[in-house]
């Protein structure tokens, strides 16, 4: 497979793994990785980085399993990567059939006590809910992981940081790129992995028909020491979780924020009063003692699809520009599978042009 010259726009975990996949599968290709900031500094920098074998659809479950195998191999090959296994328990009203549709091999704790321990406090299991354990949980310092992976591929990938792409113009023979530096490039193909920057003028008109939207993502920090035996607790029905972040020395509580259509350039990184109120209201249902301890955190945003499945789409008739993203807050969890599908779409465009 020879993809020619490929520009990967966006240096987050998805763009990074896509560039890595291209040079592995197509060593003769020239790859440029472009980011408006430093690599890993957008949504990837603020990601909780939690992976667990979950998927609301068959496709997402397959992607999650593929990504889990990828990360397990990566960690075996490179033990120093910042990926940390973690035990995981789920709390949910769902029955066995529903849990089996969502998770790989969940095991219910029959006769489980009415409380779990997390963050130095009791987490209640409300009446009618069950506790389930799942294997394969891990979390990563996604920013550092991106930096490590980009360092690995730099000998084969031209990395351009702090370079904004101002134009993406495909034609029959290639794709013309305009850069904020004033430079003009012509490449054979483009993978657009912009994270939440869906509305950039260079590609907004092409991305808009996909129907993706940008949602605010908020997580709260709880200052409490982390022990290597601590388990993550997932509140399945709330789409929320408590995660012990050993590499940072504190816990994180992620909940579902419903602030939509935000601008990643204007959102700011500071918590608002309603962020704390929403998080505390969610956590109080399970761990009232922890709710008052939510006083700090992290804020950013991510792109979400209407189907809640990642979007892998050709954005031009010849398939020279491929969109890869809208991972619905699961960019780290699904990035290896997204990268594999993106490269497959590029390969199909090459084969189509040879017919």
Protein backbone atom coordinates (compact mmCIF):
# COMPACT_ATOMS: atom_id res chain seq x y z
CA UNK A 1 0.00 0.00 0.00
CA UNK A 2 1.42 3.38 -1.04
CA UNK A 3 -0.70 6.31 0.10
CA UNK A 4 1.67 8.95 -1.28
CA UNK A 5 1.90 12.07 0.86
CA UNK A 6 -0.64 12.14 3.69
CA UNK A 7 -1.35 15.09 5.96
CA UNK A 8 -2.91 14.21 9.31
CA UNK A 9 -4.55 17.33 10.70
CA UNK A 10 -4.87 17.21 14.46
CA UNK A 11 -2.21 15.98 16.89
CA UNK A 12 -4.40 14.45 19.58
CA UNK A 13 -4.51 10.75 20.38
CA UNK A 14 -6.56 9.96 17.25
CA UNK A 15 -4.34 11.92 14.86
CA UNK A 16 -1.18 10.59 16.50
CA UNK A 17 -2.24 6.95 16.23
CA UNK A 18 -3.41 7.50 12.65
CA UNK A 19 0.00 8.88 11.63
CA UNK A 20 1.67 5.95 13.41
CA UNK A 21 -0.58 3.45 11.65
CA UNK A 22 0.15 4.94 8.23
CA UNK A 23 3.92 4.69 8.57
CA UNK A 24 3.61 1.13 9.87
CA UNK A 25 1.37 -0.07 7.04
CA UNK A 26 2.74 2.15 4.27
CA UNK A 27 6.45 2.73 4.92
CA UNK A 28 6.87 4.35 1.51
CA UNK A 29 4.32 7.07 2.30
CA UNK A 30 5.34 10.53 3.45
CA UNK A 31 3.35 11.65 6.49
CA UNK A 32 2.87 15.15 7.92
CA UNK A 33 1.27 15.59 11.34
CA UNK A 34 -0.02 19.13 11.81
CA UNK A 35 -1.42 20.71 14.94
CA UNK A 36 -2.43 24.27 15.78
CA UNK A 37 -0.78 23.78 19.21
CA UNK A 38 1.69 21.24 20.53
CA UNK A 39 0.68 17.62 20.05
CA UNK A 40 -1.63 16.25 22.72
CA UNK A 41 -2.62 19.68 24.00
CA UNK A 42 -6.31 19.80 23.07
CA UNK A 43 -8.96 17.41 24.35
CA UNK A 44 -6.26 14.77 24.85
CA UNK A 45 -4.53 16.88 27.50
CA UNK A 46 -7.67 17.10 29.64
CA UNK A 47 -8.91 13.57 29.03
CA UNK A 48 -9.57 11.29 31.99
CA UNK A 49 -8.03 8.60 29.77
CA UNK A 50 -10.27 5.81 31.04
CA UNK A 51 -10.61 2.64 28.99
CA UNK A 52 -13.01 -0.17 29.71
CA UNK A 53 -14.59 -2.81 27.45
CA UNK A 54 -17.87 -1.08 26.79
CA UNK A 55 -19.98 -0.22 23.78
CA UNK A 56 -23.59 0.81 23.33
CA UNK A 57 -23.63 -0.80 19.86
CA UNK A 58 -22.04 -3.86 18.30
CA UNK A 59 -19.68 -1.67 16.26
CA UNK A 60 -18.47 0.28 19.30
CA UNK A 61 -18.02 -2.94 21.29
CA UNK A 62 -15.82 -4.31 18.50
CA UNK A 63 -13.84 -1.07 18.41
CA UNK A 64 -13.41 -1.12 22.17
CA UNK A 65 -12.14 -4.71 22.12
CA UNK A 66 -9.76 -3.91 19.26
CA UNK A 67 -8.41 -0.91 21.15
CA UNK A 68 -8.03 -2.92 24.34
CA UNK A 69 -5.87 -5.48 22.54
CA UNK A 70 -3.83 -2.65 21.00
CA UNK A 71 -3.14 -0.99 24.34
CA UNK A 72 -2.31 -4.29 26.03
CA UNK A 73 0.26 -5.04 23.33
CA UNK A 74 1.63 -1.51 23.49
CA UNK A 75 2.09 -1.78 27.24
CA UNK A 76 3.74 -5.20 26.90
CA UNK A 77 6.12 -3.90 24.24
CA UNK A 78 6.81 -0.60 26.02
CA UNK A 79 6.29 -1.01 29.79
CA UNK A 80 7.22 2.64 30.40
CA UNK A 81 4.18 4.06 28.57
CA UNK A 82 1.85 5.92 30.98
CA UNK A 83 -0.96 3.33 30.89
CA UNK A 84 -2.15 2.05 34.27
CA UNK A 85 -4.36 -1.03 34.82
CA UNK A 86 -7.20 -0.48 37.26
CA UNK A 87 -9.85 -2.72 38.76
CA UNK A 88 -13.38 -1.70 37.91
CA UNK A 89 -16.81 -2.17 39.48
CA UNK A 90 -20.12 -1.07 37.97
CA UNK A 91 -23.29 -0.01 39.75
CA UNK A 92 -26.49 -0.30 37.72
CA UNK A 93 -30.16 -1.25 37.64
CA UNK A 94 -29.58 -3.08 34.35
CA UNK A 95 -30.24 -6.81 34.18
CA UNK A 96 -27.76 -9.44 33.09
CA UNK A 97 -28.83 -9.32 29.44
CA UNK A 98 -28.44 -5.55 29.17
CA UNK A 99 -25.06 -5.58 30.89
CA UNK A 100 -23.83 -8.31 28.55
CA UNK A 101 -24.85 -6.16 25.59
CA UNK A 102 -22.82 -3.24 26.90
CA UNK A 103 -19.72 -4.81 28.47
CA UNK A 104 -17.36 -7.66 27.73
CA UNK A 105 -17.86 -10.49 30.24
CA UNK A 106 -19.37 -8.60 33.21
CA UNK A 107 -19.57 -10.60 36.43
CA UNK A 108 -22.30 -9.76 38.93
CA UNK A 109 -21.41 -9.80 42.61
CA UNK A 110 -24.28 -11.83 43.98
CA UNK A 111 -24.82 -11.01 47.62
CA UNK A 112 -22.65 -7.89 47.33
CA UNK A 113 -22.81 -5.51 50.29
CA UNK A 114 -24.85 -2.35 50.05
CA UNK A 115 -21.75 -0.17 50.00
CA UNK A 116 -18.44 0.01 48.13
CA UNK A 117 -15.27 1.81 49.18
CA UNK A 118 -13.90 4.62 47.03
CA UNK A 119 -11.91 7.75 47.74
CA UNK A 120 -11.90 7.03 51.46
CA UNK A 121 -15.69 7.01 51.70
CA UNK A 122 -18.66 4.70 51.34
CA UNK A 123 -20.38 4.50 47.96
CA UNK A 124 -23.95 3.33 48.40
CA UNK A 125 -25.55 0.72 46.18
CA UNK A 126 -29.20 1.88 46.07
CA UNK A 127 -32.01 -0.67 46.34
CA UNK A 128 -32.71 -2.39 43.04
CA UNK A 129 -29.15 -1.94 41.80
CA UNK A 130 -26.42 -4.54 41.42
CA UNK A 131 -22.63 -4.47 41.47
CA UNK A 132 -20.75 -5.89 38.51
CA UNK A 133 -17.02 -6.39 38.01
CA UNK A 134 -15.33 -6.14 34.62
CA UNK A 135 -11.77 -6.89 33.58
CA UNK A 136 -9.58 -4.90 31.23
CA UNK A 137 -9.93 -1.50 32.86
CA UNK A 138 -7.03 0.91 32.52
CA UNK A 139 -6.38 4.62 32.29
CA UNK A 140 -3.65 6.74 30.78
CA UNK A 141 -1.99 10.10 31.03
CA UNK A 142 -3.12 10.75 27.46
CA UNK A 143 -1.03 13.89 26.99
CA UNK A 144 2.18 12.11 27.95
CA UNK A 145 1.20 9.06 25.90
CA UNK A 146 0.73 11.20 22.79
CA UNK A 147 4.11 12.84 23.36
CA UNK A 148 5.77 9.43 23.74
CA UNK A 149 4.16 8.04 20.59
CA UNK A 150 5.01 11.11 18.55
CA UNK A 151 8.61 10.93 19.76
CA UNK A 152 8.67 7.36 18.47
CA UNK A 153 7.43 8.26 14.98
CA UNK A 154 9.32 11.54 14.48
CA UNK A 155 12.06 9.86 12.40
CA UNK A 156 9.34 8.87 9.91
CA UNK A 157 6.75 11.62 10.36
CA UNK A 158 7.19 15.33 9.76
CA UNK A 159 5.64 16.96 12.83
CA UNK A 160 4.53 20.58 12.50
CA UNK A 161 3.32 22.12 15.75
CA UNK A 162 1.79 25.58 16.20
CA UNK A 163 0.81 25.51 12.53
CA UNK A 164 -2.85 26.18 11.77
CA UNK A 165 -4.39 24.75 8.61
CA UNK A 166 -6.33 27.51 6.87
CA UNK A 167 -7.50 25.71 3.73
CA UNK A 168 -8.26 22.13 2.67
CA UNK A 169 -9.09 22.02 -1.04
CA UNK A 170 -9.29 18.59 -2.71
CA UNK A 171 -9.27 18.26 -6.47
CA UNK A 172 -8.83 15.37 -8.86
CA UNK A 173 -5.09 15.13 -8.40
CA UNK A 174 -4.55 15.92 -4.73
CA UNK A 175 -5.43 18.18 -1.82
CA UNK A 176 -4.19 21.74 -1.54
CA UNK A 177 -3.50 22.94 1.97
CA UNK A 178 -3.09 26.48 3.17
CA UNK A 179 -1.15 27.03 6.38
CA UNK A 180 -1.19 29.88 8.85
CA UNK A 181 2.50 30.39 8.11
CA UNK A 182 1.56 31.46 4.57
CA UNK A 183 2.86 28.24 3.06
CA UNK A 184 0.88 26.28 0.48
CA UNK A 185 1.24 22.50 0.23
CA UNK A 186 -0.11 19.86 -2.10
CA UNK A 187 -0.59 16.39 -0.64
CA UNK A 188 -2.21 13.24 -1.95
CA UNK A 189 -4.53 12.61 0.97
CA UNK A 190 -5.70 14.10 4.25
CA UNK A 191 -6.99 12.63 7.50
CA UNK A 192 -8.91 15.28 9.37
CA UNK A 193 -8.85 14.54 13.11
CA UNK A 194 -9.75 17.94 14.58
CA UNK A 195 -11.23 16.88 17.91
CA UNK A 196 -13.77 19.55 18.94
CA UNK A 197 -12.59 22.06 16.32
CA UNK A 198 -15.37 21.15 13.90
CA UNK A 199 -16.13 24.74 12.91
CA UNK A 200 -12.70 25.76 11.60
CA UNK A 201 -13.25 27.72 8.35
CA UNK A 202 -10.88 25.41 6.45
CA UNK A 203 -13.28 22.47 6.77
CA UNK A 204 -16.50 23.64 8.45
CA UNK A 205 -18.61 23.38 5.28
CA UNK A 206 -17.47 19.83 4.62
CA UNK A 207 -17.90 18.66 8.20
CA UNK A 208 -21.28 20.30 8.88
CA UNK A 209 -23.34 17.66 6.98
CA UNK A 210 -22.05 15.01 9.40
CA UNK A 211 -24.26 16.56 12.08
CA UNK A 212 -21.65 16.35 14.85
CA UNK A 213 -21.90 18.77 17.76
CA UNK A 214 -19.50 19.95 20.44
CA UNK A 215 -20.34 19.35 24.09
CA UNK A 216 -18.68 20.64 27.23
CA UNK A 217 -16.88 17.98 29.26
CA UNK A 218 -16.35 18.50 32.99
CA UNK A 219 -14.69 16.33 35.62
CA UNK A 220 -14.12 17.08 39.30
CA UNK A 221 -10.99 16.35 41.32
CA UNK A 222 -11.15 14.93 44.83
CA UNK A 223 -7.99 15.25 46.87
CA UNK A 224 -7.51 11.88 48.48
CA UNK A 225 -4.49 9.56 48.34
CA UNK A 226 -4.64 6.75 45.80
CA UNK A 227 -3.65 3.18 46.60
CA UNK A 228 -2.69 0.77 43.82
CA UNK A 229 -5.48 -1.54 44.99
CA UNK A 230 -8.17 1.13 44.56
CA UNK A 231 -10.87 0.33 42.01
CA UNK A 232 -12.72 2.61 39.65
CA UNK A 233 -16.46 2.77 40.26
CA UNK A 234 -18.68 3.28 37.23
CA UNK A 235 -22.25 4.49 37.68
CA UNK A 236 -23.60 2.95 34.51
CA UNK A 237 -27.08 4.49 34.60
CA UNK A 238 -25.65 7.99 35.14
CA UNK A 239 -22.79 7.65 32.62
CA UNK A 240 -20.45 8.78 35.40
CA UNK A 241 -17.46 7.31 37.21
CA UNK A 242 -14.99 7.68 40.08
CA UNK A 243 -11.40 7.02 38.98
CA UNK A 244 -8.25 6.78 41.15
CA UNK A 245 -5.56 8.70 39.25
CA UNK A 246 -2.40 7.29 40.79
CA UNK A 247 -0.03 9.28 38.57
CA UNK A 248 -1.60 12.53 39.85
CA UNK A 249 -2.23 11.41 43.42
CA UNK A 250 -5.96 12.16 43.53
CA UNK A 251 -9.36 10.87 42.44
CA UNK A 252 -11.48 12.11 39.56
CA UNK A 253 -15.26 12.19 39.25
CA UNK A 254 -16.59 12.41 35.72
CA UNK A 255 -20.27 13.05 35.10
CA UNK A 256 -22.41 13.87 32.07
CA UNK A 257 -22.53 17.59 31.39
CA UNK A 258 -25.28 18.75 28.99
CA UNK A 259 -23.84 22.08 27.80
CA UNK A 260 -23.96 21.81 24.00
CA UNK A 261 -22.67 23.73 20.98
CA UNK A 262 -19.71 25.29 22.75
CA UNK A 263 -16.67 26.83 21.08
CA UNK A 264 -13.36 25.19 22.06
CA UNK A 265 -11.56 28.52 21.60
CA UNK A 266 -13.87 30.33 24.00
CA UNK A 267 -14.91 27.73 26.53
CA UNK A 268 -12.19 28.49 29.07
CA UNK A 269 -10.61 26.01 31.45
CA UNK A 270 -12.24 27.17 34.69
CA UNK A 271 -15.13 25.61 36.59
CA UNK A 272 -18.43 27.43 36.95
CA UNK A 273 -20.83 27.25 39.87
CA UNK A 274 -23.31 25.16 37.91
CA UNK A 275 -20.54 22.63 37.15
CA UNK A 276 -20.08 21.99 40.83
CA UNK A 277 -23.82 21.89 41.44
CA UNK A 278 -24.43 19.34 38.67
CA UNK A 279 -21.56 17.10 39.72
CA UNK A 280 -22.53 17.20 43.36
CA UNK A 281 -26.18 16.41 42.59
CA UNK A 282 -25.09 13.31 40.67
CA UNK A 283 -22.58 12.13 43.25
CA UNK A 284 -24.88 12.72 46.22
CA UNK A 285 -27.11 9.90 44.99
CA UNK A 286 -24.30 7.44 45.68
CA UNK A 287 -21.72 9.04 47.96
CA UNK A 288 -23.00 12.10 49.84
CA UNK A 289 -19.76 12.37 51.82
CA UNK A 290 -17.80 12.87 48.60
CA UNK A 291 -20.07 15.49 47.04
CA UNK A 292 -18.90 18.32 49.27
CA UNK A 293 -15.30 17.45 48.46
CA UNK A 294 -15.77 18.30 44.78
CA UNK A 295 -14.12 21.73 44.76
CA UNK A 296 -11.72 21.56 41.79
CA UNK A 297 -11.51 19.90 38.42
CA UNK A 298 -10.94 20.18 34.68
CA UNK A 299 -13.02 21.59 31.84
CA UNK A 300 -12.93 21.24 28.07
CA UNK A 301 -15.12 19.87 25.30
CA UNK A 302 -15.38 17.13 22.70
CA UNK A 303 -17.21 16.31 19.48
CA UNK A 304 -20.25 14.03 19.59
CA UNK A 305 -22.09 12.27 16.76
CA UNK A 306 -25.85 11.88 16.54
CA UNK A 307 -25.47 8.08 16.46
CA UNK A 308 -23.06 8.07 19.45
CA UNK A 309 -20.65 6.10 17.25
CA UNK A 310 -17.37 7.58 16.00
CA UNK A 311 -17.54 9.13 12.55
CA UNK A 312 -15.27 7.84 9.80
CA UNK A 313 -16.31 9.51 6.57
CA UNK A 314 -14.97 10.55 3.18
CA UNK A 315 -15.48 14.29 2.74
CA UNK A 316 -14.97 14.45 -1.02
CA UNK A 317 -16.02 12.28 -3.98
CA UNK A 318 -12.54 10.83 -4.52
CA UNK A 319 -12.04 9.92 -0.86
CA UNK A 320 -8.90 12.00 -0.59
CA UNK A 321 -10.10 13.71 2.60
CA UNK A 322 -11.21 11.44 5.44
CA UNK A 323 -12.81 12.66 8.66
CA UNK A 324 -11.94 10.68 11.80
CA UNK A 325 -13.45 11.73 15.08
CA UNK A 326 -16.61 12.68 16.96
CA UNK A 327 -15.74 9.92 19.41
CA UNK A 328 -18.30 11.08 22.00
CA UNK A 329 -15.86 11.58 24.83
CA UNK A 330 -14.17 8.22 24.14
CA UNK A 331 -11.30 9.40 21.96
CA UNK A 332 -8.65 7.60 24.00
CA UNK A 333 -10.72 4.47 24.46
CA UNK A 334 -11.44 4.05 20.74
CA UNK A 335 -8.48 5.82 19.10
CA UNK A 336 -6.63 2.68 17.91
CA UNK A 337 -9.75 1.36 16.18
CA UNK A 338 -10.57 4.78 14.71
CA UNK A 339 -7.03 5.05 13.33
CA UNK A 340 -7.30 1.59 11.76
CA UNK A 341 -10.60 2.49 10.04
CA UNK A 342 -9.22 5.81 8.82
CA UNK A 343 -6.24 4.14 7.17
CA UNK A 344 -8.54 1.54 5.65
CA UNK A 345 -10.59 4.32 4.06
CA UNK A 346 -7.42 5.87 2.64
CA UNK A 347 -6.40 2.52 1.18
CA UNK A 348 -9.80 2.12 -0.42
CA UNK A 349 -9.43 5.54 -2.06
CA UNK A 350 -6.09 4.45 -3.54
CA UNK A 351 -7.56 1.22 -4.90
CA UNK A 352 -10.54 3.11 -6.28
CA UNK A 353 -8.30 5.53 -8.16
CA UNK A 354 -6.42 2.64 -9.78
CA UNK A 355 -9.51 1.06 -11.30
